N, C-alpha and C. Protein backbone atom coordinates (compact mmCIF):
# COMPACT_ATOMS: atom_id res chain seq x y z
N MET A 1 85.92 186.44 102.81
CA MET A 1 85.51 185.13 102.62
C MET A 1 84.37 185.22 103.79
N ARG A 2 83.01 185.00 104.34
CA ARG A 2 82.38 184.53 105.78
C ARG A 2 82.25 182.65 105.24
N ILE A 3 81.93 182.16 106.91
CA ILE A 3 81.89 181.55 107.34
C ILE A 3 80.39 180.99 106.75
N ILE A 4 80.54 179.88 105.89
CA ILE A 4 79.33 179.15 105.36
C ILE A 4 78.24 178.32 105.99
N SER A 5 76.82 178.62 106.07
CA SER A 5 76.79 178.32 107.75
C SER A 5 75.01 177.57 107.34
N PRO A 6 74.53 176.63 107.02
CA PRO A 6 72.71 176.28 106.83
C PRO A 6 72.28 176.80 107.50
N PRO A 7 71.25 177.90 107.57
CA PRO A 7 70.01 178.61 108.55
C PRO A 7 69.70 177.00 109.53
N GLU A 8 68.75 178.27 110.16
CA GLU A 8 67.61 177.79 110.96
C GLU A 8 66.28 178.38 110.39
N LEU A 9 65.12 177.52 110.52
CA LEU A 9 64.33 177.61 109.47
C LEU A 9 63.94 178.90 109.52
N THR A 10 63.68 179.00 110.96
CA THR A 10 63.37 180.51 110.80
C THR A 10 63.78 181.62 110.96
N ASP A 11 65.17 181.37 110.70
CA ASP A 11 65.94 182.22 110.01
C ASP A 11 65.39 183.16 108.47
N PHE A 12 66.26 184.01 108.08
CA PHE A 12 65.97 184.16 106.95
C PHE A 12 66.95 185.18 106.79
N SER A 13 68.03 184.75 105.73
CA SER A 13 69.42 185.60 104.56
C SER A 13 69.01 185.68 103.15
N GLU A 14 69.09 186.61 102.32
CA GLU A 14 69.07 187.08 101.04
C GLU A 14 70.26 185.55 100.65
N THR A 15 70.87 185.06 100.94
CA THR A 15 72.00 183.82 100.04
C THR A 15 71.12 182.96 101.32
N SER A 16 70.58 182.50 101.94
CA SER A 16 70.08 181.30 101.79
C SER A 16 68.61 181.06 101.74
N ILE A 17 67.95 179.16 100.77
CA ILE A 17 67.07 179.24 100.45
C ILE A 17 66.44 178.03 101.57
N THR A 18 64.98 177.54 101.63
CA THR A 18 64.16 176.71 101.98
C THR A 18 63.85 175.69 100.89
N ILE A 19 64.36 174.39 100.84
CA ILE A 19 63.74 173.58 99.79
C ILE A 19 62.75 172.61 100.84
N GLN A 20 61.81 172.52 99.96
CA GLN A 20 60.80 171.94 100.81
C GLN A 20 60.17 170.67 99.98
N ASP A 21 60.36 169.28 100.62
CA ASP A 21 59.32 168.47 98.80
C ASP A 21 58.22 167.25 100.53
N ALA A 22 58.39 166.60 99.87
CA ALA A 22 57.01 165.62 100.19
C ALA A 22 57.92 164.96 102.13
N SER A 23 59.12 164.54 101.47
CA SER A 23 59.06 164.33 103.65
C SER A 23 60.44 164.63 104.26
N MET A 24 60.72 165.89 102.90
CA MET A 24 61.83 166.50 104.05
C MET A 24 61.80 168.02 103.69
N VAL A 25 62.69 168.66 103.98
CA VAL A 25 62.74 170.22 104.63
C VAL A 25 64.19 170.97 104.08
N ARG A 26 63.99 171.40 103.47
CA ARG A 26 66.52 171.33 103.80
C ARG A 26 66.60 172.48 103.66
N THR A 27 67.71 173.61 104.76
CA THR A 27 68.63 174.60 103.72
C THR A 27 68.86 174.41 103.62
N LEU A 28 69.84 175.97 103.05
CA LEU A 28 70.86 176.03 102.00
C LEU A 28 71.43 177.17 102.03
N ASP A 29 72.45 177.08 102.13
CA ASP A 29 73.31 178.44 102.04
C ASP A 29 74.60 178.93 101.18
N VAL A 30 75.33 179.80 100.33
CA VAL A 30 76.18 179.14 99.61
C VAL A 30 76.79 180.73 99.02
N TYR A 31 78.18 181.19 98.73
CA TYR A 31 78.75 181.44 98.72
C TYR A 31 80.06 181.55 98.04
N ASP A 32 80.44 181.73 97.08
CA ASP A 32 81.03 182.32 96.25
C ASP A 32 81.72 180.47 95.26
N GLY A 33 80.32 179.85 95.32
CA GLY A 33 80.73 178.59 94.97
C GLY A 33 80.11 176.81 95.41
N MET A 34 80.87 177.66 96.92
CA MET A 34 80.47 176.28 97.51
C MET A 34 79.51 176.61 98.22
N ALA A 35 79.13 175.27 98.92
CA ALA A 35 77.85 175.26 99.85
C ALA A 35 77.62 174.33 100.62
N LYS A 36 76.79 175.06 101.57
CA LYS A 36 76.05 173.43 102.49
C LYS A 36 74.92 173.50 103.02
N TRP A 37 74.67 172.09 102.58
CA TRP A 37 73.16 171.63 102.74
C TRP A 37 72.54 170.89 104.04
N ALA A 38 72.21 171.44 105.12
CA ALA A 38 71.36 170.78 105.87
C ALA A 38 69.31 170.55 105.80
N ILE A 39 70.23 169.28 106.15
CA ILE A 39 68.32 169.20 106.20
C ILE A 39 68.24 168.67 107.61
N LYS A 40 66.72 169.63 108.13
CA LYS A 40 66.03 170.81 109.08
C LYS A 40 64.86 169.96 109.55
N LYS A 41 64.04 169.04 108.47
CA LYS A 41 62.76 168.26 108.89
C LYS A 41 62.73 167.06 108.48
N ALA A 42 62.31 165.88 108.82
CA ALA A 42 62.24 164.57 107.84
C ALA A 42 61.56 163.38 108.87
N CYS A 43 60.76 162.61 108.22
CA CYS A 43 60.61 161.48 108.24
C CYS A 43 60.83 160.80 108.79
N GLY A 44 62.13 160.45 108.95
CA GLY A 44 63.05 159.63 109.32
C GLY A 44 63.75 159.69 110.37
N PRO A 45 64.40 159.80 112.46
CA PRO A 45 64.82 161.10 112.83
C PRO A 45 66.33 161.00 112.81
N ARG A 46 66.60 159.77 111.78
CA ARG A 46 68.09 159.75 111.66
C ARG A 46 68.94 160.97 111.02
N THR A 47 67.95 161.20 110.07
CA THR A 47 68.13 162.04 108.79
C THR A 47 68.41 163.72 109.50
N ILE A 48 67.45 164.38 110.66
CA ILE A 48 67.44 165.66 110.98
C ILE A 48 68.97 165.94 111.21
N GLY A 49 69.12 167.10 110.78
CA GLY A 49 70.94 167.32 111.16
C GLY A 49 72.30 167.61 110.65
N LYS A 50 71.94 166.65 109.44
CA LYS A 50 72.66 166.19 108.45
C LYS A 50 73.47 166.95 108.12
N ILE A 51 74.50 167.76 107.52
CA ILE A 51 74.72 168.64 107.19
C ILE A 51 76.06 167.75 105.51
N THR A 52 75.45 168.53 104.50
CA THR A 52 76.50 168.20 103.59
C THR A 52 76.69 169.61 102.98
N LYS A 53 78.66 168.69 102.05
CA LYS A 53 79.42 170.47 101.83
C LYS A 53 78.71 169.82 100.40
N CYS A 54 78.72 170.84 99.63
CA CYS A 54 78.72 170.63 98.40
C CYS A 54 79.45 171.78 97.44
N VAL A 55 79.41 171.37 95.96
CA VAL A 55 79.36 172.68 95.23
C VAL A 55 78.20 173.12 94.44
N ALA A 56 78.27 174.63 94.12
CA ALA A 56 76.95 175.44 93.29
C ALA A 56 77.24 176.08 92.74
N ASP A 57 76.98 176.00 91.06
CA ASP A 57 77.35 176.58 89.84
C ASP A 57 75.52 177.22 89.37
N PHE A 58 74.94 178.26 90.10
CA PHE A 58 73.59 178.19 89.48
C PHE A 58 74.00 179.03 88.30
N ASN A 59 75.23 179.53 87.91
CA ASN A 59 74.78 179.58 86.11
C ASN A 59 74.39 178.04 84.93
N ASN A 60 75.03 176.99 85.28
CA ASN A 60 75.08 175.95 84.95
C ASN A 60 72.80 174.89 85.28
N GLY A 61 72.88 175.41 86.96
CA GLY A 61 71.68 174.86 86.67
C GLY A 61 71.97 173.41 88.55
N MET A 62 73.24 174.12 88.45
CA MET A 62 73.87 172.80 89.18
C MET A 62 74.20 173.11 91.01
N ILE A 63 73.83 171.82 91.17
CA ILE A 63 73.61 171.90 93.00
C ILE A 63 75.13 170.26 93.04
N LYS A 64 76.25 169.93 93.14
CA LYS A 64 76.66 168.58 93.38
C LYS A 64 77.67 168.33 94.98
N GLU A 65 77.59 167.13 94.98
CA GLU A 65 78.18 166.85 96.31
C GLU A 65 79.31 167.39 96.36
N GLN A 66 80.98 167.58 97.25
CA GLN A 66 82.39 167.81 97.04
C GLN A 66 82.57 166.97 97.23
N ARG A 67 83.84 166.76 95.47
CA ARG A 67 84.34 165.84 95.58
C ARG A 67 86.26 167.09 95.56
N ASP A 68 87.14 165.78 95.27
CA ASP A 68 88.54 166.61 95.89
C ASP A 68 89.19 166.69 94.53
N ILE A 69 88.66 166.10 93.81
CA ILE A 69 88.52 167.06 93.00
C ILE A 69 88.48 168.49 92.26
N ASP A 70 87.04 169.21 92.93
CA ASP A 70 86.27 170.47 92.98
C ASP A 70 87.24 171.73 93.35
N TYR A 71 88.12 171.47 94.03
CA TYR A 71 89.00 172.51 94.31
C TYR A 71 90.23 172.55 94.08
N VAL A 72 90.65 171.79 93.29
CA VAL A 72 91.75 171.28 92.50
C VAL A 72 92.98 172.75 92.12
């Protein structure tokens, strides 16, 4: 098992992605169904650097915030 850590915008990895829309740039790192999502650039300075733990299931096309019952 490895440590899940959202990469910087300048980093490259085959398991991480960068998502960009009109107001934010986010990075995501996924391993074995667990993920961490980080906001790297945004219009509002309060959100930059915020990291959210997620559950990712790409077979079903889903990324959602982690809940207590996800790993029971």
